[in-house]
Amino acid sequence: MSHKEKAPGDCGAEGSQESQDCTANSTQPDADKAFATLRAVAALQGHELRRTDHADGRPVYFIARWGLVRHFGSLAQVRAFVARIGSRS
């Protein structure tokens, strides 16, 4: 194997940019699953959850209902809001 080829799961030296990219990629499925779960829970409460990418690469979240839209900068904020709207029922 040449120095450019890597085995699956080999992310390079710890602390390197390559390692950070690999860590980000390995957590992406978890973030996607958390988003999908929150989207389903919000839908059960009558809200629509959407995600878009900000210019700097961070996701931006929006929850809408009855033409009113709320903006959130993190999944943790979305989670707190969804918990709050769930407690109203």
PDB file of N, CA and C in Angstrom:
ATOM      1  N   MET A   1       0.850  -1.164   0.000  1.00  0.00           N
ATOM      2  CA  MET A   1       0.000   0.000   0.000  1.00  0.00           C
ATOM      3  C   MET A   1       0.899   1.231   0.000  1.00  0.00           C
ATOM      4  N   SER A   2       0.651   2.166  -0.897  1.00  0.00           N
ATOM      5  CA  SER A   2       1.470   3.376  -0.958  1.00  0.00           C
ATOM      6  C   SER A   2       1.096   4.308   0.179  1.00  0.00           C
ATOM      7  N   HIS A   3       1.892   5.380   0.356  1.00  0.00           N
ATOM      8  CA  HIS A   3       1.629   6.318   1.449  1.00  0.00           C
ATOM      9  C   HIS A   3       0.328   7.095   1.231  1.00  0.00           C
ATOM     10  N   LYS A   4      -0.197   7.129   0.015  1.00  0.00           N
ATOM     11  CA  LYS A   4      -1.448   7.836  -0.253  1.00  0.00           C
ATOM     12  C   LYS A   4      -2.668   6.948  -0.031  1.00  0.00           C
ATOM     13  N   GLU A   5      -2.483   5.641  -0.130  1.00  0.00           N
ATOM     14  CA  GLU A   5      -3.598   4.731   0.056  1.00  0.00           C
ATOM     15  C   GLU A   5      -3.747   4.427   1.532  1.00  0.00           C
ATOM     16  N   LYS A   6      -4.977   4.310   1.962  1.00  0.00           N
ATOM     17  CA  LYS A   6      -5.228   4.009   3.360  1.00  0.00           C
ATOM     18  C   LYS A   6      -6.262   2.906   3.458  1.00  0.00           C
ATOM     19  N   ALA A   7      -6.145   2.139   4.483  1.00  0.00           N
ATOM     20  CA  ALA A   7      -7.136   1.108   4.732  1.00  0.00           C
ATOM     21  C   ALA A   7      -8.427   1.777   5.190  1.00  0.00           C
ATOM     22  N   PRO A   8      -9.576   1.147   4.960  1.00  0.00           N
ATOM     23  CA  PRO A   8     -10.829   1.727   5.441  1.00  0.00           C
ATOM     24  C   PRO A   8     -10.775   1.968   6.935  1.00  0.00           C
ATOM     25  N   GLY A   9     -11.205   3.144   7.365  1.00  0.00           N
ATOM     26  CA  GLY A   9     -11.192   3.489   8.776  1.00  0.00           C
ATOM     27  C   GLY A   9      -9.894   4.112   9.241  1.00  0.00           C
ATOM     28  N   ASP A  10      -8.845   4.138   8.400  1.00  0.00           N
ATOM     29  CA  ASP A  10      -7.568   4.741   8.772  1.00  0.00           C
ATOM     30  C   ASP A  10      -7.663   6.238   8.497  1.00  0.00           C
ATOM     31  N   CYS A  11      -7.631   7.041   9.548  1.00  0.00           N
ATOM     32  CA  CYS A  11      -7.896   8.470   9.404  1.00  0.00           C
ATOM     33  C   CYS A  11      -6.663   9.344   9.525  1.00  0.00           C
ATOM     34  N   GLY A  12      -5.503   8.806   9.537  1.00  0.00           N
ATOM     35  CA  GLY A  12      -4.313   9.637   9.605  1.00  0.00           C
ATOM     36  C   GLY A  12      -3.902   9.926  11.035  1.00  0.00           C
ATOM     37  N   ALA A  13      -2.861  10.752  11.172  1.00  0.00           N
ATOM     38  CA  ALA A  13      -2.314  11.071  12.485  1.00  0.00           C
ATOM     39  C   ALA A  13      -3.321  11.852  13.308  1.00  0.00           C
ATOM     40  N   GLU A  14      -3.383  11.535  14.591  1.00  0.00           N
ATOM     41  CA  GLU A  14      -4.302  12.234  15.477  1.00  0.00           C
ATOM     42  C   GLU A  14      -3.976  13.726  15.522  1.00  0.00           C
ATOM     43  N   GLY A  15      -5.000  14.561  15.450  1.00  0.00           N
ATOM     44  CA  GLY A  15      -4.798  16.006  15.484  1.00  0.00           C
ATOM     45  C   GLY A  15      -4.580  16.635  14.123  1.00  0.00           C
ATOM     46  N   SER A  16      -4.368  15.818  13.103  1.00  0.00           N
ATOM     47  CA  SER A  16      -4.150  16.372  11.768  1.00  0.00           C
ATOM     48  C   SER A  16      -5.482  16.775  11.152  1.00  0.00           C
ATOM     49  N   GLN A  17      -5.440  17.579  10.114  1.00  0.00           N
ATOM     50  CA  GLN A  17      -6.662  17.980   9.412  1.00  0.00           C
ATOM     51  C   GLN A  17      -7.374  16.749   8.882  1.00  0.00           C
ATOM     52  N   GLU A  18      -6.597  15.799   8.386  1.00  0.00           N
ATOM     53  CA  GLU A  18      -7.160  14.566   7.861  1.00  0.00           C
ATOM     54  C   GLU A  18      -7.924  13.824   8.950  1.00  0.00           C
ATOM     55  N   SER A  19      -7.382  13.792  10.158  1.00  0.00           N
ATOM     56  CA  SER A  19      -8.036  13.134  11.279  1.00  0.00           C
ATOM     57  C   SER A  19      -9.322  13.855  11.646  1.00  0.00           C
ATOM     58  N   GLN A  20      -9.320  15.180  11.637  1.00  0.00           N
ATOM     59  CA  GLN A  20     -10.515  15.956  11.958  1.00  0.00           C
ATOM     60  C   GLN A  20     -11.605  15.713  10.919  1.00  0.00           C
ATOM     61  N   ASP A  21     -11.224  15.642   9.643  1.00  0.00           N
ATOM     62  CA  ASP A  21     -12.191  15.369   8.590  1.00  0.00           C
ATOM     63  C   ASP A  21     -12.816  13.993   8.786  1.00  0.00           C
ATOM     64  N   CYS A  22     -12.009  13.026   9.141  1.00  0.00           N
ATOM     65  CA  CYS A  22     -12.498  11.676   9.335  1.00  0.00           C
ATOM     66  C   CYS A  22     -13.451  11.637  10.522  1.00  0.00           C
ATOM     67  N   THR A  23     -13.128  12.323  11.596  1.00  0.00           N
ATOM     68  CA  THR A  23     -13.991  12.373  12.766  1.00  0.00           C
ATOM     69  C   THR A  23     -15.327  13.005  12.402  1.00  0.00           C
ATOM     70  N   ALA A  24     -15.291  14.083  11.643  1.00  0.00           N
ATOM     71  CA  ALA A  24     -16.525  14.748  11.220  1.00  0.00           C
ATOM     72  C   ALA A  24     -17.362  13.806  10.380  1.00  0.00           C
ATOM     73  N   ASN A  25     -16.723  13.055   9.482  1.00  0.00           N
ATOM     74  CA  ASN A  25     -17.461  12.138   8.629  1.00  0.00           C
ATOM     75  C   ASN A  25     -18.049  10.984   9.424  1.00  0.00           C
ATOM     76  N   SER A  26     -17.344  10.527  10.463  1.00  0.00           N
ATOM     77  CA  SER A  26     -17.847   9.406  11.232  1.00  0.00           C
ATOM     78  C   SER A  26     -19.027   9.809  12.100  1.00  0.00           C
ATOM     79  N   THR A  27     -19.167  11.079  12.467  1.00  0.00           N
ATOM     80  CA  THR A  27     -20.294  11.525  13.273  1.00  0.00           C
ATOM     81  C   THR A  27     -21.465  11.977  12.413  1.00  0.00           C
ATOM     82  N   GLN A  28     -21.271  12.157  11.129  1.00  0.00           N
ATOM     83  CA  GLN A  28     -22.346  12.615  10.244  1.00  0.00           C
ATOM     84  C   GLN A  28     -23.557  11.685  10.260  1.00  0.00           C
ATOM     85  N   PRO A  29     -23.379  10.373  10.174  1.00  0.00           N
ATOM     86  CA  PRO A  29     -24.562   9.510  10.229  1.00  0.00           C
ATOM     87  C   PRO A  29     -25.332   9.674  11.547  1.00  0.00           C
ATOM     88  N   ASP A  30     -24.627   9.889  12.661  1.00  0.00           N
ATOM     89  CA  ASP A  30     -25.292  10.101  13.941  1.00  0.00           C
ATOM     90  C   ASP A  30     -26.090  11.397  13.918  1.00  0.00           C
ATOM     91  N   ALA A  31     -25.520  12.453  13.351  1.00  0.00           N
ATOM     92  CA  ALA A  31     -26.215  13.742  13.255  1.00  0.00           C
ATOM     93  C   ALA A  31     -27.421  13.612  12.332  1.00  0.00           C
ATOM     94  N   ASP A  32     -27.273  12.881  11.238  1.00  0.00           N
ATOM     95  CA  ASP A  32     -28.390  12.678  10.317  1.00  0.00           C
ATOM     96  C   ASP A  32     -29.517  11.891  10.989  1.00  0.00           C
ATOM     97  N   LYS A  33     -29.145  10.893  11.774  1.00  0.00           N
ATOM     98  CA  LYS A  33     -30.151  10.094  12.470  1.00  0.00           C
ATOM     99  C   LYS A  33     -30.867  10.937  13.520  1.00  0.00           C
ATOM    100  N   ALA A  34     -30.117  11.747  14.269  1.00  0.00           N
ATOM    101  CA  ALA A  34     -30.727  12.625  15.269  1.00  0.00           C
ATOM    102  C   ALA A  34     -31.670  13.617  14.606  1.00  0.00           C
ATOM    103  N   PHE A  35     -31.262  14.174  13.465  1.00  0.00           N
ATOM    104  CA  PHE A  35     -32.109  15.108  12.733  1.00  0.00           C
ATOM    105  C   PHE A  35     -33.391  14.415  12.270  1.00  0.00           C
ATOM    106  N   ALA A  36     -33.259  13.226  11.711  1.00  0.00           N
ATOM    107  CA  ALA A  36     -34.426  12.493  11.218  1.00  0.00           C
ATOM    108  C   ALA A  36     -35.394  12.166  12.358  1.00  0.00           C
ATOM    109  N   THR A  37     -34.855  11.808  13.507  1.00  0.00           N
ATOM    110  CA  THR A  37     -35.691  11.518  14.667  1.00  0.00           C
ATOM    111  C   THR A  37     -36.435  12.765  15.122  1.00  0.00           C
ATOM    112  N   LEU A  38     -35.722  13.883  15.231  1.00  0.00           N
ATOM    113  CA  LEU A  38     -36.361  15.132  15.638  1.00  0.00           C
ATOM    114  C   LEU A  38     -37.399  15.584  14.610  1.00  0.00           C
ATOM    115  N   ARG A  39     -37.101  15.362  13.345  1.00  0.00           N
ATOM    116  CA  ARG A  39     -38.043  15.723  12.286  1.00  0.00           C
ATOM    117  C   ARG A  39     -39.346  14.932  12.444  1.00  0.00           C
ATOM    118  N   ALA A  40     -39.232  13.655  12.751  1.00  0.00           N
ATOM    119  CA  ALA A  40     -40.417  12.816  12.935  1.00  0.00           C
ATOM    120  C   ALA A  40     -41.210  13.236  14.172  1.00  0.00           C
ATOM    121  N   VAL A  41     -40.508  13.515  15.258  1.00  0.00           N
ATOM    122  CA  VAL A  41     -41.186  13.942  16.488  1.00  0.00           C
ATOM    123  C   VAL A  41     -41.889  15.277  16.272  1.00  0.00           C
ATOM    124  N   ALA A  42     -41.219  16.210  15.595  1.00  0.00           N
ATOM    125  CA  ALA A  42     -41.831  17.512  15.293  1.00  0.00           C
ATOM    126  C   ALA A  42     -43.060  17.325  14.405  1.00  0.00           C
ATOM    127  N   ALA A  43     -42.986  16.424  13.444  1.00  0.00           N
ATOM    128  CA  ALA A  43     -44.113  16.176  12.551  1.00  0.00           C
ATOM    129  C   ALA A  43     -45.317  15.637  13.326  1.00  0.00           C
ATOM    130  N   LEU A  44     -45.062  14.803  14.312  1.00  0.00           N
ATOM    131  CA  LEU A  44     -46.153  14.289  15.135  1.00  0.00           C
ATOM    132  C   LEU A  44     -46.831  15.409  15.924  1.00  0.00           C
ATOM    133  N   GLN A  45     -46.099  16.487  16.175  1.00  0.00           N
ATOM    134  CA  GLN A  45     -46.647  17.652  16.878  1.00  0.00           C
ATOM    135  C   GLN A  45     -47.198  18.702  15.914  1.00  0.00           C
ATOM    136  N   GLY A  46     -47.182  18.402  14.606  1.00  0.00           N
ATOM    137  CA  GLY A  46     -47.735  19.309  13.610  1.00  0.00           C
ATOM    138  C   GLY A  46     -46.762  20.349  13.087  1.00  0.00           C
ATOM    139  N   HIS A  47     -45.464  20.159  13.320  1.00  0.00           N
ATOM    140  CA  HIS A  47     -44.444  21.090  12.853  1.00  0.00           C
ATOM    141  C   HIS A  47     -43.602  20.454  11.753  1.00  0.00           C
ATOM    142  N   GLU A  48     -43.081  21.281  10.885  1.00  0.00           N
ATOM    143  CA  GLU A  48     -42.188  20.809   9.822  1.00  0.00           C
ATOM    144  C   GLU A  48     -40.764  21.260  10.137  1.00  0.00           C
ATOM    145  N   LEU A  49     -39.848  20.319  10.221  1.00  0.00           N
ATOM    146  CA  LEU A  49     -38.436  20.618  10.493  1.00  0.00           C
ATOM    147  C   LEU A  49     -37.651  20.467   9.205  1.00  0.00           C
ATOM    148  N   ARG A  50     -36.892  21.488   8.880  1.00  0.00           N
ATOM    149  CA  ARG A  50     -36.030  21.465   7.690  1.00  0.00           C
ATOM    150  C   ARG A  50     -34.618  21.872   8.082  1.00  0.00           C
ATOM    151  N   ARG A  51     -33.660  21.476   7.234  1.00  0.00           N
ATOM    152  CA  ARG A  51     -32.243  21.790   7.470  1.00  0.00           C
ATOM    153  C   ARG A  51     -31.649  22.284   6.163  1.00  0.00           C
ATOM    154  N   THR A  52     -30.797  23.283   6.282  1.00  0.00           N
ATOM    155  CA  THR A  52     -30.067  23.790   5.125  1.00  0.00           C
ATOM    156  C   THR A  52     -28.643  24.101   5.577  1.00  0.00           C
ATOM    157  N   ASP A  53     -27.733  24.216   4.626  1.00  0.00           N
ATOM    158  CA  ASP A  53     -26.341  24.523   4.978  1.00  0.00           C
ATOM    159  C   ASP A  53     -26.104  26.022   4.935  1.00  0.00           C
ATOM    160  N   HIS A  54     -25.452  26.515   5.962  1.00  0.00           N
ATOM    161  CA  HIS A  54     -25.046  27.910   6.048  1.00  0.00           C
ATOM    162  C   HIS A  54     -23.828  28.095   5.152  1.00  0.00           C
ATOM    163  N   ALA A  55     -23.496  29.307   4.809  1.00  0.00           N
ATOM    164  CA  ALA A  55     -22.356  29.579   3.921  1.00  0.00           C
ATOM    165  C   ALA A  55     -21.050  29.006   4.462  1.00  0.00           C
ATOM    166  N   ASP A  56     -20.904  28.946   5.794  1.00  0.00           N
ATOM    167  CA  ASP A  56     -19.655  28.427   6.365  1.00  0.00           C
ATOM    168  C   ASP A  56     -19.690  26.913   6.576  1.00  0.00           C
ATOM    169  N   GLY A  57     -20.748  26.249   6.103  1.00  0.00           N
ATOM    170  CA  GLY A  57     -20.803  24.793   6.176  1.00  0.00           C
ATOM    171  C   GLY A  57     -21.604  24.255   7.342  1.00  0.00           C
ATOM    172  N   ARG A  58     -21.958  25.106   8.304  1.00  0.00           N
ATOM    173  CA  ARG A  58     -22.764  24.642   9.435  1.00  0.00           C
ATOM    174  C   ARG A  58     -24.218  24.503   8.996  1.00  0.00           C
ATOM    175  N   PRO A  59     -24.909  23.486   9.497  1.00  0.00           N
ATOM    176  CA  PRO A  59     -26.332  23.387   9.166  1.00  0.00           C
ATOM    177  C   PRO A  59     -27.135  24.441   9.919  1.00  0.00           C
ATOM    178  N   VAL A  60     -28.206  24.892   9.306  1.00  0.00           N
ATOM    179  CA  VAL A  60     -29.147  25.813   9.910  1.00  0.00           C
ATOM    180  C   VAL A  60     -30.492  25.104   9.899  1.00  0.00           C
ATOM    181  N   TYR A  61     -31.215  25.160  11.011  1.00  0.00           N
ATOM    182  CA  TYR A  61     -32.470  24.435  11.160  1.00  0.00           C
ATOM    183  C   TYR A  61     -33.641  25.410  11.219  1.00  0.00           C
ATOM    184  N   PHE A  62     -34.775  24.996  10.635  1.00  0.00           N
ATOM    185  CA  PHE A  62     -35.995  25.789  10.629  1.00  0.00           C
ATOM    186  C   PHE A  62     -37.166  24.895  11.014  1.00  0.00           C
ATOM    187  N   ILE A  63     -38.010  25.378  11.913  1.00  0.00           N
ATOM    188  CA  ILE A  63     -39.241  24.680  12.252  1.00  0.00           C
ATOM    189  C   ILE A  63     -40.387  25.598  11.876  1.00  0.00           C
ATOM    190  N   ALA A  64     -41.356  25.060  11.145  1.00  0.00           N
ATOM    191  CA  ALA A  64     -42.478  25.871  10.672  1.00  0.00           C
ATOM    192  C   ALA A  64     -43.805  25.220  11.044  1.00  0.00           C
ATOM    193  N   ARG A  65     -44.767  26.088  11.312  1.00  0.00           N
ATOM    194  CA  ARG A  65     -46.147  25.656  11.537  1.00  0.00           C
ATOM    195  C   ARG A  65     -47.045  26.859  11.321  1.00  0.00           C
ATOM    196  N   TRP A  66     -48.101  26.674  10.555  1.00  0.00           N
ATOM    197  CA  TRP A  66     -49.087  27.725  10.284  1.00  0.00           C
ATOM    198  C   TRP A  66     -48.444  28.977   9.689  1.00  0.00           C
ATOM    199  N   GLY A  67     -47.423  28.806   8.886  1.00  0.00           N
ATOM    200  CA  GLY A  67     -46.769  29.939   8.238  1.00  0.00           C
ATOM    201  C   GLY A  67     -45.775  30.680   9.118  1.00  0.00           C
ATOM    202  N   LEU A  68     -45.613  30.248  10.348  1.00  0.00           N
ATOM    203  CA  LEU A  68     -44.642  30.855  11.257  1.00  0.00           C
ATOM    204  C   LEU A  68     -43.391  29.996  11.273  1.00  0.00           C
ATOM    205  N   VAL A  69     -42.232  30.638  11.200  1.00  0.00           N
ATOM    206  CA  VAL A  69     -40.962  29.912  11.108  1.00  0.00           C
ATOM    207  C   VAL A  69     -40.047  30.333  12.247  1.00  0.00           C
ATOM    208  N   ARG A  70     -39.416  29.344  12.870  1.00  0.00           N
ATOM    209  CA  ARG A  70     -38.387  29.599  13.891  1.00  0.00           C
ATOM    210  C   ARG A  70     -37.058  29.090  13.355  1.00  0.00           C
ATOM    211  N   HIS A  71     -36.007  29.813  13.643  1.00  0.00           N
ATOM    212  CA  HIS A  71     -34.655  29.525  13.166  1.00  0.00           C
ATOM    213  C   HIS A  71     -33.816  29.046  14.345  1.00  0.00           C
ATOM    214  N   PHE A  72     -33.010  27.997  14.119  1.00  0.00           N
ATOM    215  CA  PHE A  72     -32.141  27.457  15.155  1.00  0.00           C
ATOM    216  C   PHE A  72     -30.749  27.228  14.585  1.00  0.00           C
ATOM    217  N   GLY A  73     -29.734  27.502  15.377  1.00  0.00           N
ATOM    218  CA  GLY A  73     -28.352  27.357  14.940  1.00  0.00           C
ATOM    219  C   GLY A  73     -27.718  26.027  15.290  1.00  0.00           C
ATOM    220  N   SER A  74     -28.401  25.225  16.119  1.00  0.00           N
ATOM    221  CA  SER A  74     -27.811  23.935  16.487  1.00  0.00           C
ATOM    222  C   SER A  74     -28.902  22.894  16.692  1.00  0.00           C
ATOM    223  N   LEU A  75     -28.504  21.657  16.594  1.00  0.00           N
ATOM    224  CA  LEU A  75     -29.429  20.554  16.805  1.00  0.00           C
ATOM    225  C   LEU A  75     -29.878  20.509  18.264  1.00  0.00           C
ATOM    226  N   ALA A  76     -29.034  20.936  19.178  1.00  0.00           N
ATOM    227  CA  ALA A  76     -29.395  20.978  20.598  1.00  0.00           C
ATOM    228  C   ALA A  76     -30.547  21.964  20.824  1.00  0.00           C
ATOM    229  N   GLN A  77     -30.522  23.100  20.142  1.00  0.00           N
ATOM    230  CA  GLN A  77     -31.608  24.067  20.255  1.00  0.00           C
ATOM    231  C   GLN A  77     -32.905  23.492  19.689  1.00  0.00           C
ATOM    232  N   VAL A  78     -32.788  22.778  18.580  1.00  0.00           N
ATOM    233  CA  VAL A  78     -33.961  22.134  17.980  1.00  0.00           C
ATOM    234  C   VAL A  78     -34.529  21.116  18.952  1.00  0.00           C
ATOM    235  N   ARG A  79     -33.640  20.305  19.542  1.00  0.00           N
ATOM    236  CA  ARG A  79     -34.064  19.269  20.494  1.00  0.00           C
ATOM    237  C   ARG A  79     -34.820  19.889  21.665  1.00  0.00           C
ATOM    238  N   ALA A  80     -34.327  21.005  22.195  1.00  0.00           N
ATOM    239  CA  ALA A  80     -34.989  21.676  23.315  1.00  0.00           C
ATOM    240  C   ALA A  80     -36.365  22.197  22.901  1.00  0.00           C
ATOM    241  N   PHE A  81     -36.466  22.774  21.722  1.00  0.00           N
ATOM    242  CA  PHE A  81     -37.741  23.292  21.240  1.00  0.00           C
ATOM    243  C   PHE A  81     -38.736  22.161  21.027  1.00  0.00           C
ATOM    244  N   VAL A  82     -38.296  21.079  20.404  1.00  0.00           N
ATOM    245  CA  VAL A  82     -39.184  19.942  20.145  1.00  0.00           C
ATOM    246  C   VAL A  82     -39.665  19.347  21.475  1.00  0.00           C
ATOM    247  N   ALA A  83     -38.804  19.300  22.471  1.00  0.00           N
ATOM    248  CA  ALA A  83     -39.211  18.825  23.793  1.00  0.00           C
ATOM    249  C   ALA A  83     -40.263  19.752  24.393  1.00  0.00           C
ATOM    250  N   ARG A  84     -40.080  21.043  24.198  1.00  0.00           N
ATOM    251  CA  ARG A  84     -41.023  22.025  24.734  1.00  0.00           C
ATOM    252  C   ARG A  84     -42.382  21.917  24.036  1.00  0.00           C
ATOM    253  N   ILE A  85     -42.404  21.789  22.720  1.00  0.00           N
ATOM    254  CA  ILE A  85     -43.695  21.685  22.024  1.00  0.00           C
ATOM    255  C   ILE A  85     -44.356  20.351  22.321  1.00  0.00           C
ATOM    256  N   GLY A  86     -43.569  19.339  22.609  1.00  0.00           N
ATOM    257  CA  GLY A  86     -44.131  18.021  22.963  1.00  0.00           C
ATOM    258  C   GLY A  86     -44.784  18.029  24.320  1.00  0.00           C
ATOM    259  N   SER A  87     -44.336  18.894  25.201  1.00  0.00           N
ATOM    260  CA  SER A  87     -44.905  18.943  26.547  1.00  0.00           C
ATOM    261  C   SER A  87     -46.234  19.674  26.580  1.00  0.00           C
ATOM    262  N   ARG A  88     -46.589  20.354  25.488  1.00  0.00           N
ATOM    263  CA  ARG A  88     -47.860  21.089  25.427  1.00  0.00           C
ATOM    264  C   ARG A  88     -49.043  20.162  25.233  1.00  0.00           C
ATOM    265  N   SER A  89     -48.808  18.977  24.716  1.00  0.00           N
ATOM    266  CA  SER A  89     -49.913  18.078  24.392  1.00  0.00           C
ATOM    267  C   SER A  89     -50.474  17.427  25.635  1.00  0.00           C
TER     268      SER A  89
END
